[in-house]
Amino acid sequence: MIYMKRMIFEMENFGPWEIDVAPTVYPPREDTELLCRAISRLEGNASNAIEIGCGTGVVSMALSALGWSVLSYDVNPYAVACSRANIERNGFERNVIVREGGVGEDGWGIPDGTKLIVWNLPYLNPPDPNGPVLEPIEEASLTDLGDGGWSEELLKSLKVRNNDDLTVVLLFRTDPISPSSPSVWLMSGWSCRSLEMKRIGDERLEVFAMWRTGSGSKEKREEICDSAMDGVIHLPDEGWQRLIVGDQLSGRGRRGSKWESIPGDLLAS
């Protein structure tokens, strides 16, 4: 027999929700509230979202309360059962579907039409070879990977799809530094912005939103031109267009001011 711990989850904008927490399932904590607070700040129309690592289902219920249709994943079968029961008990079963699985698992994929991905990333350090380890189910749910972490694994899985309309919201441990880092997304052509941050003990947790810079449109580059400001006028009138040049012969700014540059300067419009 599995003994459940029953608790009430309530914070600004969400709850109160009565939930059960099964053994090996991560319960709602301060990082859960931090993530819920961050997603409540998102603007735009709610549509289709994915939560990775749904645990007790609280974040998926918060997304549903904000109007999202949610597909939730967890590699822990106890978490899947726990989420399904909690979601049904609190009346969110019409807008939330829970499946067993996750990034890198067989059958993993992002359905077409997904506009939002949310993940409270595992941020425990990978165990030392000779050190103590968690139970396998807890290890998969709570421990980060080395060399880029789960964050980079998610990023790799997104390279096979068009992400122009996708926003990814991830909770990182930014102090001490974890293998998962928002810098990997920046280096891959994504923009990111910190939405929420909180220090808990000796750890700093931070929620970032990531999206494709310029909706995925590439900048145009030229070695030399008369003026970047004049040149950008001739670019297509769609999306976020920008021009980067190595040198300009007659650069100018507003009100006819002259821009002079030396090699190594960033010249763009």
Protein backbone atom coordinates (compact mmCIF):
# COMPACT_ATOMS: atom_id res chain seq x y z
CA MET A 1 0.00 0.00 0.00
CA ILE A 2 1.24 3.48 -0.88
CA TYR A 3 0.66 6.10 1.80
CA MET A 4 -0.10 9.58 0.52
CA LYS A 5 0.60 12.84 2.29
CA ARG A 6 -2.30 15.28 1.87
CA MET A 7 -1.67 19.02 1.83
CA ILE A 8 -3.21 22.29 0.68
CA PHE A 9 -1.49 24.39 -1.97
CA GLU A 10 -2.41 28.07 -2.00
CA MET A 11 -0.66 31.24 -3.16
CA GLU A 12 -1.60 34.49 -4.83
CA ASN A 13 -3.74 33.82 -7.94
CA PHE A 14 -3.81 30.03 -7.40
CA GLY A 15 -5.65 27.61 -5.12
CA PRO A 16 -6.53 26.60 -2.53
CA TRP A 17 -6.08 23.11 -3.98
CA GLU A 18 -6.14 19.90 -1.97
CA ILE A 19 -3.40 17.60 -3.25
CA ASP A 20 -1.90 14.23 -2.40
CA VAL A 21 1.86 13.68 -2.49
CA ALA A 22 3.07 10.12 -3.04
CA PRO A 23 6.48 8.83 -1.87
CA THR A 24 9.32 9.75 -4.31
CA VAL A 25 7.17 12.58 -5.75
CA TYR A 26 8.53 16.11 -5.37
CA PRO A 27 6.06 18.15 -3.27
CA PRO A 28 5.18 21.80 -3.91
CA ARG A 29 7.82 24.04 -2.33
CA GLU A 30 9.15 27.57 -2.66
CA ASP A 31 10.56 26.84 -6.11
CA THR A 32 7.10 25.67 -7.21
CA GLU A 33 5.62 28.99 -6.10
CA LEU A 34 8.45 30.85 -7.85
CA LEU A 35 7.64 29.10 -11.12
CA CYS A 36 3.88 29.70 -10.74
CA ARG A 37 4.57 33.37 -10.07
CA ALA A 38 6.68 33.58 -13.23
CA ILE A 39 4.12 31.99 -15.55
CA SER A 40 1.43 34.33 -14.22
CA ARG A 41 3.52 37.21 -15.60
CA LEU A 42 3.45 35.93 -19.17
CA GLU A 43 1.52 38.08 -21.62
CA GLY A 44 -0.35 37.12 -24.77
CA ASN A 45 -3.07 34.62 -25.51
CA ALA A 46 -2.94 31.25 -23.75
CA SER A 47 -3.08 28.22 -26.05
CA ASN A 48 -1.11 24.94 -25.87
CA ALA A 49 1.53 24.32 -23.21
CA ILE A 50 3.79 21.47 -22.09
CA GLU A 51 5.04 20.95 -18.56
CA ILE A 52 8.03 18.68 -18.08
CA GLY A 53 8.40 17.05 -14.67
CA CYS A 54 4.87 17.72 -13.44
CA GLY A 55 5.30 16.07 -10.01
CA THR A 56 2.04 16.62 -8.13
CA GLY A 57 0.49 18.55 -11.03
CA VAL A 58 0.37 21.93 -9.29
CA VAL A 59 2.13 23.91 -12.04
CA SER A 60 -0.02 22.27 -14.71
CA MET A 61 -3.12 23.25 -12.74
CA ALA A 62 -1.79 26.81 -12.50
CA LEU A 63 -1.29 26.87 -16.28
CA SER A 64 -4.82 25.58 -16.79
CA ALA A 65 -6.18 28.24 -14.43
CA LEU A 66 -4.48 30.82 -16.67
CA GLY A 67 -6.29 29.42 -19.72
CA TRP A 68 -3.68 27.03 -21.15
CA SER A 69 -4.38 23.54 -22.49
CA VAL A 70 -1.60 21.48 -20.94
CA LEU A 71 0.22 18.27 -21.84
CA SER A 72 2.22 17.19 -18.78
CA TYR A 73 5.11 14.72 -18.59
CA ASP A 74 6.96 13.00 -15.77
CA VAL A 75 9.40 10.09 -15.80
CA ASN A 76 8.20 8.99 -12.36
CA PRO A 77 5.11 6.75 -12.69
CA TYR A 78 4.08 7.65 -9.13
CA ALA A 79 4.14 11.33 -10.12
CA VAL A 80 1.99 10.58 -13.17
CA ALA A 81 -0.63 8.83 -11.02
CA CYS A 82 -0.39 11.54 -8.38
CA SER A 83 -0.83 14.36 -10.92
CA ARG A 84 -3.80 12.68 -12.58
CA ALA A 85 -5.57 12.24 -9.24
CA ASN A 86 -4.88 15.80 -8.09
CA ILE A 87 -5.89 17.30 -11.43
CA GLU A 88 -9.18 15.39 -11.41
CA ARG A 89 -9.90 16.21 -7.77
CA ASN A 90 -9.52 19.94 -8.44
CA GLY A 91 -11.50 19.98 -11.68
CA PHE A 92 -8.76 20.51 -14.28
CA GLU A 93 -9.02 17.17 -16.12
CA ARG A 94 -10.62 18.71 -19.24
CA ASN A 95 -7.59 20.92 -19.91
CA VAL A 96 -4.67 18.82 -18.62
CA ILE A 97 -3.41 15.49 -19.98
CA VAL A 98 -0.65 13.66 -18.08
CA ARG A 99 1.73 11.17 -19.69
CA GLU A 100 4.71 9.18 -18.49
CA GLY A 101 7.95 10.24 -20.18
CA GLY A 102 10.24 13.18 -20.69
CA VAL A 103 13.14 14.65 -22.64
CA GLY A 104 15.21 11.92 -24.26
CA GLU A 105 12.66 9.18 -23.56
CA ASP A 106 11.17 7.00 -26.30
CA GLY A 107 8.30 8.79 -27.97
CA TRP A 108 9.31 12.21 -26.65
CA GLY A 109 8.35 15.09 -28.90
CA ILE A 110 6.80 18.55 -28.91
CA PRO A 111 3.41 18.51 -30.67
CA ASP A 112 2.74 21.05 -33.40
CA GLY A 113 0.96 24.09 -32.05
CA THR A 114 2.83 24.13 -28.73
CA LYS A 115 3.44 27.74 -27.67
CA LEU A 116 4.90 27.26 -24.19
CA ILE A 117 7.20 24.79 -22.42
CA VAL A 118 7.62 24.96 -18.64
CA TRP A 119 10.15 22.99 -16.58
CA ASN A 120 11.36 23.20 -13.01
CA LEU A 121 14.75 21.80 -13.98
CA PRO A 122 16.41 19.19 -11.75
CA TYR A 123 19.25 21.10 -10.13
CA LEU A 124 20.92 18.70 -7.71
CA ASN A 125 24.53 18.12 -8.74
CA PRO A 126 25.29 14.81 -10.47
CA PRO A 127 26.48 12.32 -7.81
CA ASP A 128 30.15 11.51 -7.34
CA PRO A 129 31.08 8.02 -8.57
CA ASN A 130 31.84 6.89 -5.01
CA GLY A 131 29.26 9.04 -3.24
CA PRO A 132 25.73 8.29 -2.05
CA VAL A 133 22.96 8.23 -4.63
CA LEU A 134 19.20 8.58 -4.56
CA GLU A 135 16.74 5.90 -5.51
CA PRO A 136 16.61 5.54 -9.34
CA ILE A 137 13.19 7.22 -9.64
CA GLU A 138 14.27 10.16 -7.48
CA GLU A 139 17.61 10.36 -9.29
CA ALA A 140 15.86 10.82 -12.64
CA SER A 141 13.51 13.46 -11.26
CA LEU A 142 15.81 15.58 -9.10
CA THR A 143 19.40 15.32 -10.38
CA ASP A 144 20.87 17.35 -13.22
CA LEU A 145 23.15 15.93 -15.91
CA GLY A 146 26.77 16.93 -16.41
CA ASP A 147 28.08 18.92 -19.39
CA GLY A 148 25.19 21.26 -20.15
CA GLY A 149 22.57 19.57 -18.03
CA TRP A 150 18.95 18.82 -18.84
CA SER A 151 18.58 22.35 -20.17
CA GLU A 152 20.91 21.58 -23.07
CA GLU A 153 19.16 18.25 -23.70
CA LEU A 154 15.87 20.11 -24.09
CA LEU A 155 17.50 22.64 -26.41
CA LYS A 156 18.86 19.83 -28.60
CA SER A 157 15.41 18.25 -28.83
CA LEU A 158 13.98 21.54 -30.12
CA LYS A 159 16.36 21.78 -33.10
CA VAL A 160 14.12 19.54 -35.22
CA ARG A 161 11.15 21.94 -35.14
CA ASN A 162 10.21 25.53 -35.92
CA ASN A 163 10.38 27.48 -32.66
CA ASP A 164 9.49 30.96 -33.90
CA ASP A 165 6.32 31.14 -31.77
CA LEU A 166 7.63 29.14 -28.81
CA THR A 167 8.43 30.46 -25.33
CA VAL A 168 10.40 28.25 -22.93
CA VAL A 169 10.20 28.98 -19.20
CA LEU A 170 12.81 27.20 -17.07
CA LEU A 171 13.75 27.36 -13.41
CA PHE A 172 17.54 27.23 -12.95
CA ARG A 173 19.79 27.15 -9.93
CA THR A 174 22.11 30.04 -10.74
CA ASP A 175 24.13 30.04 -7.50
CA PRO A 176 25.98 27.81 -7.03
CA ILE A 177 26.18 27.31 -10.77
CA SER A 178 24.48 24.18 -12.12
CA PRO A 179 25.34 22.27 -15.31
CA SER A 180 22.07 23.67 -16.73
CA SER A 181 22.51 27.33 -17.61
CA PRO A 182 20.61 29.97 -19.63
CA SER A 183 23.91 30.90 -21.31
CA VAL A 184 23.64 27.79 -23.53
CA TRP A 185 20.41 29.21 -24.98
CA LEU A 186 22.01 32.61 -25.60
CA MET A 187 24.88 30.99 -27.48
CA SER A 188 22.35 29.11 -29.63
CA GLY A 189 20.59 32.25 -30.87
CA TRP A 190 17.84 32.54 -28.26
CA SER A 191 16.97 35.58 -26.18
CA CYS A 192 16.34 35.22 -22.46
CA ARG A 193 14.95 37.30 -19.63
CA SER A 194 14.86 36.68 -15.90
CA LEU A 195 11.25 36.65 -14.64
CA GLU A 196 11.64 35.75 -10.97
CA MET A 197 14.50 35.13 -8.54
CA LYS A 198 14.71 33.97 -4.95
CA ARG A 199 17.50 32.94 -2.62
CA ILE A 200 16.66 29.90 -0.52
CA GLY A 201 19.39 29.15 2.01
CA ASP A 202 22.70 29.06 0.17
CA GLU A 203 21.06 28.61 -3.25
CA ARG A 204 19.73 31.18 -5.70
CA LEU A 205 16.89 29.98 -7.91
CA GLU A 206 15.92 31.95 -10.99
CA VAL A 207 13.19 31.57 -13.61
CA PHE A 208 14.08 32.56 -17.17
CA ALA A 209 11.93 32.91 -20.27
CA MET A 210 13.62 32.01 -23.58
CA TRP A 211 12.48 32.74 -27.12
CA ARG A 212 13.98 32.80 -30.59
CA THR A 213 15.63 36.17 -31.22
CA GLY A 214 13.79 38.01 -33.99
CA SER A 215 11.39 35.07 -34.29
CA GLY A 216 14.29 33.13 -35.79
CA SER A 217 15.11 35.64 -38.55
CA LYS A 218 18.84 36.03 -39.26
CA GLU A 219 20.61 39.35 -39.42
CA LYS A 220 22.04 40.53 -42.76
CA ARG A 221 25.78 41.23 -42.85
CA GLU A 222 27.79 43.38 -45.26
CA GLU A 223 31.51 44.11 -45.31
CA ILE A 224 31.05 47.74 -46.31
CA CYS A 225 28.22 50.14 -47.13
CA ASP A 226 27.53 53.85 -47.27
CA SER A 227 25.28 53.88 -44.19
CA ALA A 228 23.74 51.06 -42.16
CA MET A 229 20.76 53.31 -41.43
CA ASP A 230 20.12 53.79 -45.15
CA GLY A 231 20.81 50.15 -45.97
CA VAL A 232 18.30 48.73 -43.50
CA ILE A 233 15.49 50.60 -45.27
CA HIS A 234 15.79 48.17 -48.19
CA LEU A 235 15.39 45.02 -46.08
CA PRO A 236 12.06 43.10 -46.21
CA ASP A 237 9.22 44.74 -44.32
CA GLU A 238 8.50 41.74 -42.07
CA GLY A 239 9.75 40.42 -38.75
CA TRP A 240 12.72 41.92 -36.94
CA GLN A 241 15.19 43.02 -39.62
CA ARG A 242 18.71 44.20 -38.83
CA LEU A 243 21.90 44.95 -40.72
CA ILE A 244 25.45 44.57 -39.40
CA VAL A 245 28.34 46.04 -41.40
CA GLY A 246 32.10 45.90 -41.11
CA ASP A 247 32.58 49.52 -42.19
CA GLN A 248 30.43 52.37 -43.44
CA LEU A 249 31.64 55.19 -45.67
CA SER A 250 29.22 57.90 -44.62
CA GLY A 251 27.53 56.75 -41.45
CA ARG A 252 25.05 59.14 -39.94
CA GLY A 253 22.71 59.37 -36.99
CA ARG A 254 19.63 61.40 -36.24
CA ARG A 255 19.38 65.00 -37.43
CA GLY A 256 22.24 64.44 -39.85
CA SER A 257 24.88 63.81 -37.18
CA LYS A 258 27.99 62.06 -38.50
CA TRP A 259 29.07 58.72 -37.10
CA GLU A 260 32.76 57.94 -37.24
CA SER A 261 34.11 54.52 -36.42
CA ILE A 262 37.34 52.58 -36.15
CA PRO A 263 38.01 48.92 -37.01
CA GLY A 264 36.45 46.64 -34.41
CA ASP A 265 33.41 48.83 -33.73
CA LEU A 266 29.94 47.30 -33.90
CA LEU A 267 28.05 49.03 -36.72
CA ALA A 268 24.42 48.04 -37.03
CA SER A 269 20.91 49.27 -37.60
